[in-house]
């Protein structure tokens, strides 16, 4: 089994709990406050969701990603975080925005080239998730230290891995642009 296949399998296993709605692993904790729901698994810790965090998430979705969804779509957001490696250098966040928009965020702490290895698996898992969960749009976000330098390589990987669909997009952002608090 290749590393990409292993990562895709791990992503699918972690997020299947969110898709099916089952508590498949007793490490999963659900927390709800305001209209933002965080479901955190694995080694991540849960934090109280403040109005500031809610606003940061909505601003990220609207401004950074350019989402033109109606306001009512942003009234319910569900985030799921998981670490993919023992070294805590790769984190995936699945964001369900109002049941219409699916966002997968690949966050790399370490050399940016690690994103090149993980991106095909993230795209594969996100594409299956979008299809099985009936989302209208998919945005795959890669958060790295130098998005401009990596842009040509990441776009080439995305174009070779993602389905040809005008509702599937790649976004490269600086790690500091993410709306999540560091754990």
C-alpha atoms as a PDB file:
ATOM      1  CA  UNK A   1       0.000   0.000   0.000  1.00  0.00           C
ATOM      2  CA  UNK A   2       1.466   3.364  -1.009  1.00  0.00           C
ATOM      3  CA  UNK A   3       1.758   6.252   1.408  1.00  0.00           C
ATOM      4  CA  UNK A   4      -0.946   8.144  -0.507  1.00  0.00           C
ATOM      5  CA  UNK A   5      -3.306   5.166  -0.236  1.00  0.00           C
ATOM      6  CA  UNK A   6      -2.593   4.830   3.482  1.00  0.00           C
ATOM      7  CA  UNK A   7      -3.306   8.513   4.072  1.00  0.00           C
ATOM      8  CA  UNK A   8      -6.532   8.359   2.016  1.00  0.00           C
ATOM      9  CA  UNK A   9      -7.670   5.302   3.986  1.00  0.00           C
ATOM     10  CA  UNK A  10      -6.931   7.039   7.267  1.00  0.00           C
ATOM     11  CA  UNK A  11      -8.804  10.186   6.200  1.00  0.00           C
ATOM     12  CA  UNK A  12     -11.795   8.132   5.085  1.00  0.00           C
ATOM     13  CA  UNK A  13     -11.815   6.126   8.342  1.00  0.00           C
ATOM     14  CA  UNK A  14     -11.651   9.242  10.493  1.00  0.00           C
ATOM     15  CA  UNK A  15     -14.320  11.193   8.632  1.00  0.00           C
ATOM     16  CA  UNK A  16     -16.708   8.295   8.050  1.00  0.00           C
ATOM     17  CA  UNK A  17     -17.926   8.881  11.604  1.00  0.00           C
ATOM     18  CA  UNK A  18     -19.035  12.348  10.558  1.00  0.00           C
ATOM     19  CA  UNK A  19     -20.646  11.095   7.351  1.00  0.00           C
ATOM     20  CA  UNK A  20     -22.628   8.265   8.929  1.00  0.00           C
ATOM     21  CA  UNK A  21     -23.366  10.138  12.134  1.00  0.00           C
ATOM     22  CA  UNK A  22     -22.303   7.209  14.271  1.00  0.00           C
ATOM     23  CA  UNK A  23     -20.038   7.454  17.271  1.00  0.00           C
ATOM     24  CA  UNK A  24     -17.692   4.826  15.843  1.00  0.00           C
ATOM     25  CA  UNK A  25     -14.850   5.512  18.230  1.00  0.00           C
ATOM     26  CA  UNK A  26     -15.163   6.509  21.863  1.00  0.00           C
ATOM     27  CA  UNK A  27     -12.417   9.095  21.346  1.00  0.00           C
ATOM     28  CA  UNK A  28     -14.897  11.269  19.426  1.00  0.00           C
ATOM     29  CA  UNK A  29     -16.315  14.155  21.394  1.00  0.00           C
ATOM     30  CA  UNK A  30     -19.064  16.457  20.200  1.00  0.00           C
ATOM     31  CA  UNK A  31     -19.405  20.013  21.423  1.00  0.00           C
ATOM     32  CA  UNK A  32     -21.937  22.582  20.335  1.00  0.00           C
ATOM     33  CA  UNK A  33     -22.173  26.265  21.186  1.00  0.00           C
ATOM     34  CA  UNK A  34     -23.737  29.019  19.087  1.00  0.00           C
ATOM     35  CA  UNK A  35     -24.256  27.749  15.589  1.00  0.00           C
ATOM     36  CA  UNK A  36     -20.786  26.220  15.251  1.00  0.00           C
ATOM     37  CA  UNK A  37     -20.288  22.550  16.001  1.00  0.00           C
ATOM     38  CA  UNK A  38     -16.845  21.039  16.448  1.00  0.00           C
ATOM     39  CA  UNK A  39     -16.372  17.306  16.401  1.00  0.00           C
ATOM     40  CA  UNK A  40     -12.832  16.517  17.422  1.00  0.00           C
ATOM     41  CA  UNK A  41     -11.153  13.121  17.344  1.00  0.00           C
ATOM     42  CA  UNK A  42      -7.815  11.513  17.942  1.00  0.00           C
ATOM     43  CA  UNK A  43      -5.238  13.495  19.849  1.00  0.00           C
ATOM     44  CA  UNK A  44      -6.842  16.900  19.341  1.00  0.00           C
ATOM     45  CA  UNK A  45      -8.399  18.716  22.252  1.00  0.00           C
ATOM     46  CA  UNK A  46     -11.698  20.496  22.252  1.00  0.00           C
ATOM     47  CA  UNK A  47     -12.073  24.165  22.949  1.00  0.00           C
ATOM     48  CA  UNK A  48     -15.055  26.359  23.655  1.00  0.00           C
ATOM     49  CA  UNK A  49     -16.302  28.061  20.516  1.00  0.00           C
ATOM     50  CA  UNK A  50     -16.528  31.787  21.031  1.00  0.00           C
ATOM     51  CA  UNK A  51     -18.279  34.406  18.952  1.00  0.00           C
ATOM     52  CA  UNK A  52     -14.838  35.526  17.783  1.00  0.00           C
ATOM     53  CA  UNK A  53     -14.089  32.011  16.476  1.00  0.00           C
ATOM     54  CA  UNK A  54     -17.470  31.894  14.762  1.00  0.00           C
ATOM     55  CA  UNK A  55     -16.767  35.197  13.037  1.00  0.00           C
ATOM     56  CA  UNK A  56     -13.251  34.057  12.054  1.00  0.00           C
ATOM     57  CA  UNK A  57     -14.648  30.884  10.458  1.00  0.00           C
ATOM     58  CA  UNK A  58     -17.350  32.771   8.575  1.00  0.00           C
ATOM     59  CA  UNK A  59     -14.842  35.410   7.426  1.00  0.00           C
ATOM     60  CA  UNK A  60     -12.433  32.711   6.240  1.00  0.00           C
ATOM     61  CA  UNK A  61     -15.187  31.015   4.249  1.00  0.00           C
ATOM     62  CA  UNK A  62     -16.498  34.266   2.755  1.00  0.00           C
ATOM     63  CA  UNK A  63     -13.361  36.351   2.257  1.00  0.00           C
ATOM     64  CA  UNK A  64     -10.455  33.955   1.955  1.00  0.00           C
ATOM     65  CA  UNK A  65     -12.279  31.248  -0.005  1.00  0.00           C
ATOM     66  CA  UNK A  66     -14.702  33.571  -1.789  1.00  0.00           C
ATOM     67  CA  UNK A  67     -17.857  31.664  -0.891  1.00  0.00           C
ATOM     68  CA  UNK A  68     -20.948  33.383  -2.243  1.00  0.00           C
ATOM     69  CA  UNK A  69     -23.391  31.161  -0.354  1.00  0.00           C
ATOM     70  CA  UNK A  70     -26.502  32.791   1.135  1.00  0.00           C
ATOM     71  CA  UNK A  71     -26.188  33.903   4.766  1.00  0.00           C
ATOM     72  CA  UNK A  72     -28.399  31.062   6.015  1.00  0.00           C
ATOM     73  CA  UNK A  73     -25.840  28.515   4.770  1.00  0.00           C
ATOM     74  CA  UNK A  74     -23.259  30.012   7.139  1.00  0.00           C
ATOM     75  CA  UNK A  75     -25.595  29.673  10.127  1.00  0.00           C
ATOM     76  CA  UNK A  76     -24.455  26.066  10.664  1.00  0.00           C
ATOM     77  CA  UNK A  77     -20.833  25.005  10.355  1.00  0.00           C
ATOM     78  CA  UNK A  78     -19.322  21.724  11.498  1.00  0.00           C
ATOM     79  CA  UNK A  79     -15.552  21.281  11.803  1.00  0.00           C
ATOM     80  CA  UNK A  80     -13.717  18.020  12.312  1.00  0.00           C
ATOM     81  CA  UNK A  81      -9.965  18.007  12.956  1.00  0.00           C
ATOM     82  CA  UNK A  82      -7.579  15.072  12.840  1.00  0.00           C
ATOM     83  CA  UNK A  83      -3.820  14.588  12.872  1.00  0.00           C
ATOM     84  CA  UNK A  84      -2.546  12.297  10.126  1.00  0.00           C
ATOM     85  CA  UNK A  85       0.948  11.557  11.365  1.00  0.00           C
ATOM     86  CA  UNK A  86       2.591  10.741  14.667  1.00  0.00           C
ATOM     87  CA  UNK A  87       4.787  13.817  14.290  1.00  0.00           C
ATOM     88  CA  UNK A  88       1.746  16.153  14.324  1.00  0.00           C
ATOM     89  CA  UNK A  89       2.976  17.818  11.133  1.00  0.00           C
ATOM     90  CA  UNK A  90      -0.086  17.111   8.994  1.00  0.00           C
ATOM     91  CA  UNK A  91      -3.580  18.059  10.068  1.00  0.00           C
ATOM     92  CA  UNK A  92      -6.786  17.748   8.074  1.00  0.00           C
ATOM     93  CA  UNK A  93      -9.873  19.767   8.872  1.00  0.00           C
ATOM     94  CA  UNK A  94     -13.225  18.911   7.308  1.00  0.00           C
ATOM     95  CA  UNK A  95     -15.660  21.840   7.310  1.00  0.00           C
ATOM     96  CA  UNK A  96     -19.322  21.280   6.491  1.00  0.00           C
ATOM     97  CA  UNK A  97     -20.881  24.641   5.695  1.00  0.00           C
ATOM     98  CA  UNK A  98     -24.653  24.413   5.884  1.00  0.00           C
ATOM     99  CA  UNK A  99     -24.751  20.990   4.240  1.00  0.00           C
ATOM    100  CA  UNK A 100     -23.950  22.619   0.874  1.00  0.00           C
ATOM    101  CA  UNK A 101     -20.260  23.472   0.855  1.00  0.00           C
ATOM    102  CA  UNK A 102     -17.558  20.979   1.854  1.00  0.00           C
ATOM    103  CA  UNK A 103     -14.110  22.341   2.684  1.00  0.00           C
ATOM    104  CA  UNK A 104     -11.072  20.157   3.324  1.00  0.00           C
ATOM    105  CA  UNK A 105      -8.102  22.005   4.812  1.00  0.00           C
ATOM    106  CA  UNK A 106      -4.678  20.372   4.579  1.00  0.00           C
ATOM    107  CA  UNK A 107      -2.462  22.064   7.147  1.00  0.00           C
ATOM    108  CA  UNK A 108       1.267  21.344   7.063  1.00  0.00           C
ATOM    109  CA  UNK A 109       3.672  22.242   9.843  1.00  0.00           C
ATOM    110  CA  UNK A 110       7.088  21.572   8.428  1.00  0.00           C
ATOM    111  CA  UNK A 111       8.500  21.585   4.925  1.00  0.00           C
ATOM    112  CA  UNK A 112       5.953  22.642   2.305  1.00  0.00           C
ATOM    113  CA  UNK A 113       6.846  19.637   0.129  1.00  0.00           C
ATOM    114  CA  UNK A 114       4.932  17.456   2.607  1.00  0.00           C
ATOM    115  CA  UNK A 115       1.768  18.955   1.121  1.00  0.00           C
ATOM    116  CA  UNK A 116       2.741  17.541  -2.283  1.00  0.00           C
ATOM    117  CA  UNK A 117       2.743  14.035  -0.829  1.00  0.00           C
ATOM    118  CA  UNK A 118      -0.530  14.382   1.046  1.00  0.00           C
ATOM    119  CA  UNK A 119      -2.614  16.384  -1.465  1.00  0.00           C
ATOM    120  CA  UNK A 120      -3.642  13.493  -3.798  1.00  0.00           C
ATOM    121  CA  UNK A 121      -4.989  11.497  -0.853  1.00  0.00           C
ATOM    122  CA  UNK A 122      -6.840  14.502   0.544  1.00  0.00           C
ATOM    123  CA  UNK A 123      -8.401  15.185  -2.865  1.00  0.00           C
ATOM    124  CA  UNK A 124      -9.441  11.529  -3.194  1.00  0.00           C
ATOM    125  CA  UNK A 125     -11.045  11.459   0.261  1.00  0.00           C
ATOM    126  CA  UNK A 126     -12.726  14.851  -0.212  1.00  0.00           C
ATOM    127  CA  UNK A 127     -14.134  13.877  -3.607  1.00  0.00           C
ATOM    128  CA  UNK A 128     -15.660  10.673  -2.226  1.00  0.00           C
ATOM    129  CA  UNK A 129     -16.982  12.558   0.806  1.00  0.00           C
ATOM    130  CA  UNK A 130     -18.598  15.199  -1.418  1.00  0.00           C
ATOM    131  CA  UNK A 131     -20.260  12.576  -3.607  1.00  0.00           C
ATOM    132  CA  UNK A 132     -21.527  10.384  -0.760  1.00  0.00           C
ATOM    133  CA  UNK A 133     -22.701  13.307   1.357  1.00  0.00           C
ATOM    134  CA  UNK A 134     -24.315  15.202  -1.554  1.00  0.00           C
ATOM    135  CA  UNK A 135     -22.485  18.521  -1.156  1.00  0.00           C
ATOM    136  CA  UNK A 136     -22.926  21.078  -3.926  1.00  0.00           C
ATOM    137  CA  UNK A 137     -19.360  22.416  -3.865  1.00  0.00           C
ATOM    138  CA  UNK A 138     -15.926  21.300  -2.697  1.00  0.00           C
ATOM    139  CA  UNK A 139     -13.005  23.509  -1.801  1.00  0.00           C
ATOM    140  CA  UNK A 140      -9.647  21.943  -0.997  1.00  0.00           C
ATOM    141  CA  UNK A 141      -7.452  24.335   0.966  1.00  0.00           C
ATOM    142  CA  UNK A 142      -3.707  23.829   1.402  1.00  0.00           C
ATOM    143  CA  UNK A 143      -2.195  25.897   4.221  1.00  0.00           C
ATOM    144  CA  UNK A 144       1.592  26.152   3.942  1.00  0.00           C
ATOM    145  CA  UNK A 145       4.370  28.620   4.718  1.00  0.00           C
ATOM    146  CA  UNK A 146       5.005  29.750   1.128  1.00  0.00           C
ATOM    147  CA  UNK A 147       1.884  29.303  -1.016  1.00  0.00           C
ATOM    148  CA  UNK A 148       3.183  31.447  -3.905  1.00  0.00           C
ATOM    149  CA  UNK A 149       6.295  29.328  -4.374  1.00  0.00           C
ATOM    150  CA  UNK A 150       4.321  26.076  -4.227  1.00  0.00           C
ATOM    151  CA  UNK A 151       1.386  27.257  -6.373  1.00  0.00           C
ATOM    152  CA  UNK A 152       2.494  25.800  -9.739  1.00  0.00           C
ATOM    153  CA  UNK A 153       3.292  22.385  -8.240  1.00  0.00           C
ATOM    154  CA  UNK A 154       0.127  22.218  -6.150  1.00  0.00           C
ATOM    155  CA  UNK A 155      -2.054  23.249  -9.106  1.00  0.00           C
ATOM    156  CA  UNK A 156      -0.423  20.552 -11.249  1.00  0.00           C
ATOM    157  CA  UNK A 157      -1.152  17.923  -8.577  1.00  0.00           C
ATOM    158  CA  UNK A 158      -4.704  19.196  -8.130  1.00  0.00           C
ATOM    159  CA  UNK A 159      -5.395  19.189 -11.885  1.00  0.00           C
ATOM    160  CA  UNK A 160      -4.098  15.623 -12.112  1.00  0.00           C
ATOM    161  CA  UNK A 161      -6.035  14.343  -9.092  1.00  0.00           C
ATOM    162  CA  UNK A 162      -9.314  16.274  -8.845  1.00  0.00           C
ATOM    163  CA  UNK A 163     -12.378  15.593 -10.977  1.00  0.00           C
ATOM    164  CA  UNK A 164     -12.987  17.966 -13.872  1.00  0.00           C
ATOM    165  CA  UNK A 165     -15.807  19.871 -12.209  1.00  0.00           C
ATOM    166  CA  UNK A 166     -16.363  23.613 -12.031  1.00  0.00           C
ATOM    167  CA  UNK A 167     -17.644  23.216  -8.470  1.00  0.00           C
ATOM    168  CA  UNK A 168     -14.348  21.787  -7.150  1.00  0.00           C
ATOM    169  CA  UNK A 169     -11.637  24.335  -6.325  1.00  0.00           C
ATOM    170  CA  UNK A 170      -8.122  24.504  -4.913  1.00  0.00           C
ATOM    171  CA  UNK A 171      -7.065  27.315  -2.575  1.00  0.00           C
ATOM    172  CA  UNK A 172      -3.509  27.884  -1.388  1.00  0.00           C
ATOM    173  CA  UNK A 173      -3.223  30.005   1.732  1.00  0.00           C
ATOM    174  CA  UNK A 174      -0.550  30.948   4.197  1.00  0.00           C
ATOM    175  CA  UNK A 175      -0.672  28.916   7.395  1.00  0.00           C
ATOM    176  CA  UNK A 176      -1.370  32.088   9.377  1.00  0.00           C
ATOM    177  CA  UNK A 177      -4.562  32.736   7.348  1.00  0.00           C
ATOM    178  CA  UNK A 178      -6.412  29.810   8.936  1.00  0.00           C
ATOM    179  CA  UNK A 179      -9.232  30.650  11.359  1.00  0.00           C
ATOM    180  CA  UNK A 180      -8.387  27.847  13.807  1.00  0.00           C
ATOM    181  CA  UNK A 181      -6.690  28.307  17.152  1.00  0.00           C
ATOM    182  CA  UNK A 182      -3.430  26.394  17.432  1.00  0.00           C
ATOM    183  CA  UNK A 183      -3.667  23.372  19.688  1.00  0.00           C
END
